[in-house]
N, C-alpha and C. Protein backbone atom coordinates (compact mmCIF):
# COMPACT_ATOMS: atom_id res chain seq x y z
N UNK A 1 5.84 83.31 140.05
CA UNK A 1 6.56 82.25 139.97
C UNK A 1 7.03 81.35 139.06
N UNK A 2 7.74 81.42 137.75
CA UNK A 2 7.90 80.44 136.64
C UNK A 2 8.89 79.03 137.17
N UNK A 3 8.60 78.14 137.09
CA UNK A 3 8.72 76.64 136.96
C UNK A 3 10.42 76.38 135.64
N UNK A 4 11.51 76.20 135.86
CA UNK A 4 12.37 75.50 135.08
C UNK A 4 11.73 75.01 134.12
N UNK A 5 11.94 74.37 132.86
CA UNK A 5 11.97 73.69 132.07
C UNK A 5 12.55 72.19 132.51
N UNK A 6 11.83 71.14 131.88
CA UNK A 6 11.97 70.11 132.10
C UNK A 6 13.59 69.66 131.50
N UNK A 7 14.17 70.40 130.18
CA UNK A 7 15.15 70.18 129.60
C UNK A 7 16.30 70.79 130.43
N UNK A 8 15.91 71.95 130.91
CA UNK A 8 17.30 72.70 132.04
C UNK A 8 17.49 71.76 132.67
N UNK A 9 16.42 71.17 133.63
CA UNK A 9 16.60 70.35 134.88
C UNK A 9 17.14 69.17 134.01
N UNK A 10 17.15 68.15 132.99
CA UNK A 10 17.63 66.99 132.45
C UNK A 10 19.24 67.26 132.49
N UNK A 11 19.67 68.19 131.44
CA UNK A 11 20.99 68.43 130.97
C UNK A 11 21.82 69.06 132.25
N UNK A 12 22.65 68.54 132.13
CA UNK A 12 23.76 69.11 133.59
C UNK A 12 24.42 69.99 133.30
N UNK A 13 24.82 70.94 133.80
CA UNK A 13 25.99 71.80 133.47
C UNK A 13 26.84 71.25 132.84
N UNK A 14 27.70 71.77 131.53
CA UNK A 14 29.21 71.12 131.19
C UNK A 14 30.33 71.45 131.85
N UNK A 15 31.37 70.48 131.77
CA UNK A 15 32.35 71.05 133.29
C UNK A 15 32.68 72.06 132.41
N UNK A 16 33.70 72.60 132.94
CA UNK A 16 34.74 74.08 132.43
C UNK A 16 36.07 73.26 132.01
N UNK A 17 36.17 73.52 130.74
CA UNK A 17 37.67 73.04 130.25
C UNK A 17 38.57 74.10 129.72
N UNK A 18 39.70 73.37 129.92
CA UNK A 18 41.19 73.86 129.88
C UNK A 18 41.62 73.94 128.28
N UNK A 19 41.80 75.00 127.55
CA UNK A 19 42.49 74.45 126.52
C UNK A 19 43.33 73.80 126.19
N UNK A 20 43.23 72.50 125.05
CA UNK A 20 43.96 71.77 125.03
C UNK A 20 44.04 70.45 125.58
N UNK A 21 42.80 70.51 127.04
CA UNK A 21 42.49 69.55 127.34
C UNK A 21 42.12 68.41 126.80
N UNK A 22 41.94 67.26 127.24
CA UNK A 22 41.40 65.78 126.57
C UNK A 22 40.55 65.52 127.13
N UNK A 23 39.19 65.45 126.33
CA UNK A 23 38.01 64.96 126.84
C UNK A 23 37.53 63.59 126.15
N UNK A 24 36.78 62.74 126.32
CA UNK A 24 36.06 61.74 125.69
C UNK A 24 34.71 62.42 124.93
N UNK A 25 35.09 62.68 123.76
CA UNK A 25 33.94 62.62 122.91
C UNK A 25 33.39 61.70 121.91
N UNK A 26 31.85 62.16 122.05
CA UNK A 26 30.79 60.55 121.40
C UNK A 26 30.53 61.42 120.09
N UNK A 27 30.39 60.39 118.81
CA UNK A 27 30.47 61.01 117.60
C UNK A 27 28.88 59.91 117.17
N UNK A 28 28.60 61.09 115.93
CA UNK A 28 27.36 60.06 115.61
C UNK A 28 27.63 59.33 114.80
N UNK A 29 26.42 58.37 114.77
CA UNK A 29 26.74 57.08 113.65
C UNK A 29 28.17 56.51 113.81
N UNK A 30 28.72 56.36 112.74
CA UNK A 30 30.07 55.45 112.61
C UNK A 30 31.20 56.83 111.90
N UNK A 31 31.01 57.94 112.44
CA UNK A 31 31.90 59.37 111.71
C UNK A 31 33.08 59.10 112.54
N UNK A 32 33.39 58.59 113.54
CA UNK A 32 34.61 58.54 114.45
C UNK A 32 35.31 57.42 113.59
N UNK A 33 34.99 56.61 112.62
CA UNK A 33 36.01 56.18 111.73
C UNK A 33 37.00 57.01 111.10
N UNK A 34 36.29 58.01 110.67
CA UNK A 34 37.34 58.72 109.67
C UNK A 34 38.66 59.64 110.19
N UNK A 35 38.61 59.43 112.09
CA UNK A 35 39.70 59.83 112.52
C UNK A 35 40.58 59.06 112.86
N UNK A 36 41.81 59.50 112.81
CA UNK A 36 42.99 58.59 112.91
C UNK A 36 43.88 58.92 114.56
N UNK A 37 44.41 58.23 115.26
CA UNK A 37 45.09 58.27 116.36
C UNK A 37 46.30 58.43 116.26
N UNK A 38 46.35 59.63 116.55
CA UNK A 38 47.96 60.54 116.69
C UNK A 38 47.68 61.82 115.77
N UNK A 39 46.57 62.07 115.01
CA UNK A 39 46.55 62.99 114.09
C UNK A 39 45.71 64.28 115.26
N UNK A 40 46.02 65.63 114.53
CA UNK A 40 45.72 66.42 115.52
C UNK A 40 44.19 67.22 115.16
N UNK A 41 43.15 67.72 115.62
CA UNK A 41 41.97 67.95 115.63
C UNK A 41 41.57 68.90 116.06
N UNK A 42 41.07 70.02 115.39
CA UNK A 42 40.35 71.24 116.15
C UNK A 42 38.71 70.58 116.24
N UNK A 43 38.06 70.18 117.25
CA UNK A 43 36.95 69.67 117.74
C UNK A 43 35.80 71.02 118.39
N UNK A 44 35.05 70.87 117.66
CA UNK A 44 33.78 71.84 118.41
C UNK A 44 32.86 70.90 119.00
N UNK A 45 32.60 70.88 120.51
CA UNK A 45 31.45 69.98 120.61
C UNK A 45 30.05 70.96 121.37
N UNK A 46 29.49 69.67 121.80
CA UNK A 46 28.19 70.28 121.93
C UNK A 46 27.60 69.49 123.51
N UNK A 47 27.23 70.31 124.79
CA UNK A 47 27.03 69.60 125.74
C UNK A 47 25.83 68.62 125.72
N UNK A 48 25.58 67.19 125.63
CA UNK A 48 24.29 66.85 126.13
C UNK A 48 24.15 66.14 127.35
N UNK A 49 25.07 66.52 128.16
CA UNK A 49 25.24 65.33 129.60
C UNK A 49 26.12 64.43 128.62
N UNK A 50 26.98 64.86 128.15
CA UNK A 50 28.47 64.42 127.15
C UNK A 50 28.65 65.20 126.29
N UNK A 51 30.03 64.74 125.99
CA UNK A 51 30.67 65.98 124.84
C UNK A 51 30.24 65.40 123.62
N UNK A 52 29.57 66.04 122.49
CA UNK A 52 29.40 65.15 121.41
C UNK A 52 29.84 66.39 120.28
N UNK A 53 29.71 65.56 119.01
CA UNK A 53 30.65 66.58 117.96
C UNK A 53 30.44 65.66 117.05
N UNK A 54 30.19 66.04 115.31
CA UNK A 54 30.41 65.31 114.39
C UNK A 54 31.41 65.70 113.67
N UNK A 55 31.78 65.13 112.73
CA UNK A 55 32.95 65.49 111.43
C UNK A 55 32.63 66.60 110.18
N UNK A 56 33.13 67.58 110.21
CA UNK A 56 32.86 68.61 109.03
C UNK A 56 33.80 68.13 107.71
N UNK A 57 32.84 67.46 106.90
CA UNK A 57 33.34 66.53 105.73
C UNK A 57 33.24 67.38 104.46
N UNK A 58 34.17 67.47 103.71
CA UNK A 58 34.46 68.31 102.59
C UNK A 58 33.53 68.57 101.29
N UNK A 59 32.82 67.55 101.40
CA UNK A 59 31.78 67.06 100.47
C UNK A 59 30.43 68.18 100.85
N UNK A 60 30.42 68.62 102.02
CA UNK A 60 29.25 69.02 102.57
C UNK A 60 29.54 70.15 103.57
N UNK A 61 29.45 71.69 102.92
CA UNK A 61 30.05 73.13 103.14
C UNK A 61 29.09 73.61 104.49
N UNK A 62 27.94 72.68 104.86
CA UNK A 62 27.04 73.54 106.09
C UNK A 62 27.11 72.37 107.25
N UNK A 63 28.22 71.54 107.11
CA UNK A 63 28.59 70.59 108.44
C UNK A 63 29.38 71.39 109.20
N UNK A 64 29.32 71.00 110.18
CA UNK A 64 30.62 71.40 111.31
C UNK A 64 30.80 70.19 112.55
N UNK A 65 31.65 70.72 113.04
CA UNK A 65 32.16 69.48 113.81
C UNK A 65 33.76 69.44 113.75
N UNK A 66 34.31 68.66 113.98
CA UNK A 66 35.77 68.22 114.24
C UNK A 66 36.07 68.06 112.56
N UNK A 67 37.62 69.27 112.61
CA UNK A 67 38.53 69.27 111.57
C UNK A 67 39.82 69.12 111.73
N UNK A 68 40.68 69.27 110.88
CA UNK A 68 42.00 68.65 110.85
C UNK A 68 42.36 69.81 111.42
N UNK A 69 43.38 69.71 112.58
CA UNK A 69 44.11 71.19 113.30
C UNK A 69 44.24 72.60 112.36
N UNK A 70 44.45 71.93 111.13
CA UNK A 70 44.84 73.15 110.43
C UNK A 70 43.74 73.88 109.94
N UNK A 71 42.03 73.22 109.83
CA UNK A 71 41.11 73.82 109.79
C UNK A 71 40.55 73.12 108.40
N UNK A 72 41.41 72.34 107.91
CA UNK A 72 40.70 71.39 106.26
C UNK A 72 39.71 70.54 106.93
N UNK A 73 38.69 70.40 106.45
CA UNK A 73 37.70 69.38 106.74
C UNK A 73 38.05 68.11 106.92
N UNK A 74 37.59 67.11 106.79
CA UNK A 74 38.14 65.79 107.23
C UNK A 74 37.72 64.77 105.89
N UNK A 75 38.05 64.27 105.16
CA UNK A 75 38.09 63.28 104.01
C UNK A 75 36.85 61.99 104.20
N UNK A 76 36.20 62.19 104.13
CA UNK A 76 35.20 61.00 104.25
C UNK A 76 35.22 59.91 103.43
N UNK A 77 35.73 60.06 101.91
CA UNK A 77 35.93 58.79 100.88
C UNK A 77 36.06 58.08 101.17
N UNK A 78 35.47 56.63 100.47
CA UNK A 78 35.76 55.54 101.21
C UNK A 78 37.23 54.68 100.30
N UNK A 79 37.98 55.73 99.58
CA UNK A 79 39.23 55.25 99.14
C UNK A 79 39.86 56.48 99.53
N UNK A 80 40.54 56.22 100.77
CA UNK A 80 41.53 57.03 101.04
C UNK A 80 42.87 56.34 100.87
N UNK A 81 43.99 57.22 101.14
CA UNK A 81 45.17 56.96 100.97
C UNK A 81 45.86 55.42 101.42
N UNK A 82 45.58 55.23 102.57
CA UNK A 82 45.49 54.04 103.46
C UNK A 82 45.53 52.61 102.51
N UNK A 83 43.63 52.92 102.06
CA UNK A 83 43.45 52.15 101.47
C UNK A 83 44.14 51.89 100.04
N UNK A 84 44.62 53.21 99.50
CA UNK A 84 45.42 53.01 97.84
C UNK A 84 47.10 51.83 98.34
N UNK A 85 47.32 52.65 99.44
CA UNK A 85 48.58 52.06 99.53
C UNK A 85 48.46 50.62 99.82
N UNK A 86 47.63 50.10 100.56
CA UNK A 86 47.45 48.54 100.48
C UNK A 86 46.70 47.89 99.44
N UNK A 87 46.25 48.39 98.34
CA UNK A 87 45.91 47.86 97.04
C UNK A 87 47.05 47.74 96.16
N UNK A 88 48.10 48.71 96.25
CA UNK A 88 49.25 49.06 95.50
C UNK A 88 49.61 47.69 95.95
N UNK A 89 50.14 47.61 97.50
CA UNK A 89 50.95 46.64 97.85
C UNK A 89 50.83 45.40 97.29
N UNK A 90 49.30 45.48 97.57
CA UNK A 90 48.55 43.67 97.11
C UNK A 90 49.09 43.65 94.92
N UNK A 91 49.12 44.38 94.50
CA UNK A 91 48.83 44.38 93.45
C UNK A 91 50.73 44.11 92.90
N UNK A 92 51.53 44.71 93.75
CA UNK A 92 52.66 44.59 93.29
C UNK A 92 53.39 42.99 93.86
N UNK A 93 52.61 42.39 95.08
CA UNK A 93 53.12 41.22 95.52
C UNK A 93 52.28 40.08 94.59
N UNK A 94 51.11 40.21 94.18
CA UNK A 94 50.61 39.09 93.76
C UNK A 94 51.30 39.00 92.25
N UNK A 95 51.94 39.54 91.41
CA UNK A 95 52.87 38.79 90.27
C UNK A 95 54.25 38.42 90.41
N UNK A 96 54.88 39.38 91.67
CA UNK A 96 55.74 38.71 92.57
C UNK A 96 55.58 36.74 92.49
N UNK A 97 54.42 36.86 93.53
CA UNK A 97 54.31 35.51 94.09
C UNK A 97 54.26 34.17 92.77
N UNK A 98 53.02 34.73 91.78
CA UNK A 98 53.06 34.33 90.84
C UNK A 98 54.21 33.67 89.57
N UNK A 99 55.43 34.86 89.53
CA UNK A 99 56.53 34.49 89.20
C UNK A 99 57.33 33.56 90.04
N UNK A 100 57.44 33.31 90.79
CA UNK A 100 57.89 32.65 92.00
C UNK A 100 57.70 30.96 91.68
N UNK A 101 56.02 31.01 91.69
CA UNK A 101 55.57 30.03 91.79
C UNK A 101 55.53 29.21 90.05
N UNK A 102 55.40 30.00 89.33
CA UNK A 102 56.10 29.59 87.85
C UNK A 102 57.61 29.24 87.75
N UNK A 103 58.78 29.81 88.32
CA UNK A 103 59.95 29.45 88.38
C UNK A 103 60.03 28.25 89.08
N UNK A 104 59.37 27.90 90.08
CA UNK A 104 59.69 26.39 90.78
C UNK A 104 58.84 25.25 89.86
N UNK A 105 57.71 25.54 89.16
CA UNK A 105 57.13 25.02 88.17
C UNK A 105 57.71 24.27 87.11
N UNK A 106 58.31 25.31 86.86
CA UNK A 106 59.42 25.25 85.42
C UNK A 106 60.46 24.43 85.98
N UNK A 107 61.25 24.33 87.11
CA UNK A 107 62.25 23.77 87.37
C UNK A 107 62.07 22.37 87.97
N UNK A 108 61.14 22.38 88.81
CA UNK A 108 60.77 21.08 88.75
C UNK A 108 60.18 20.09 87.56
N UNK A 109 59.67 20.76 86.81
CA UNK A 109 59.43 19.51 85.12
C UNK A 109 60.80 19.74 84.44
N UNK A 110 61.88 20.72 84.47
CA UNK A 110 63.25 19.94 84.03
C UNK A 110 63.55 19.43 84.63
N UNK A 111 63.04 19.21 86.14
CA UNK A 111 64.03 18.29 86.88
C UNK A 111 63.43 16.61 86.80
N UNK A 112 62.44 17.09 86.43
CA UNK A 112 61.68 15.48 86.25
C UNK A 112 61.93 14.96 84.93
N UNK A 113 62.20 15.88 83.96
CA UNK A 113 63.04 15.33 82.20
C UNK A 113 64.25 14.96 82.51
N UNK A 114 64.60 15.65 82.75
CA UNK A 114 66.29 15.42 83.26
C UNK A 114 66.36 13.71 83.76
N UNK A 115 65.73 13.18 84.95
CA UNK A 115 65.30 12.35 85.20
C UNK A 115 65.31 11.06 84.97
N UNK A 116 64.29 11.59 83.76
CA UNK A 116 63.64 10.22 82.86
C UNK A 116 64.40 10.28 81.96
N UNK A 117 65.42 10.99 81.15
CA UNK A 117 66.27 10.87 79.97
C UNK A 117 67.77 10.02 80.27
N UNK A 118 67.57 10.52 81.76
CA UNK A 118 68.93 9.48 82.18
C UNK A 118 68.61 7.91 82.54
């Protein structure tokens, strides 16, 4: 008679899932930061006592795991479009703010000069 391996005893049987069912998935390292709430993904999970996945990245064709629902790999670039929008907003706001400060300074100087001349 053979004894089952300790690994077989330590890993419980994964629960049966229905297509589209929501489950908690744990991601390696900080890879969950590349996922966005409300976006649709296709997730390949591994059962290790809990569901585990990784992010399939465009720069590593051998990686596997979570991809966008249409099959595209997830961009893990540090410069995403959301960052770009924030940077553009800051660069647009700074000149406007400087213009308002400059106009206020010129107006106050002019008023002071007029007050001295009267």
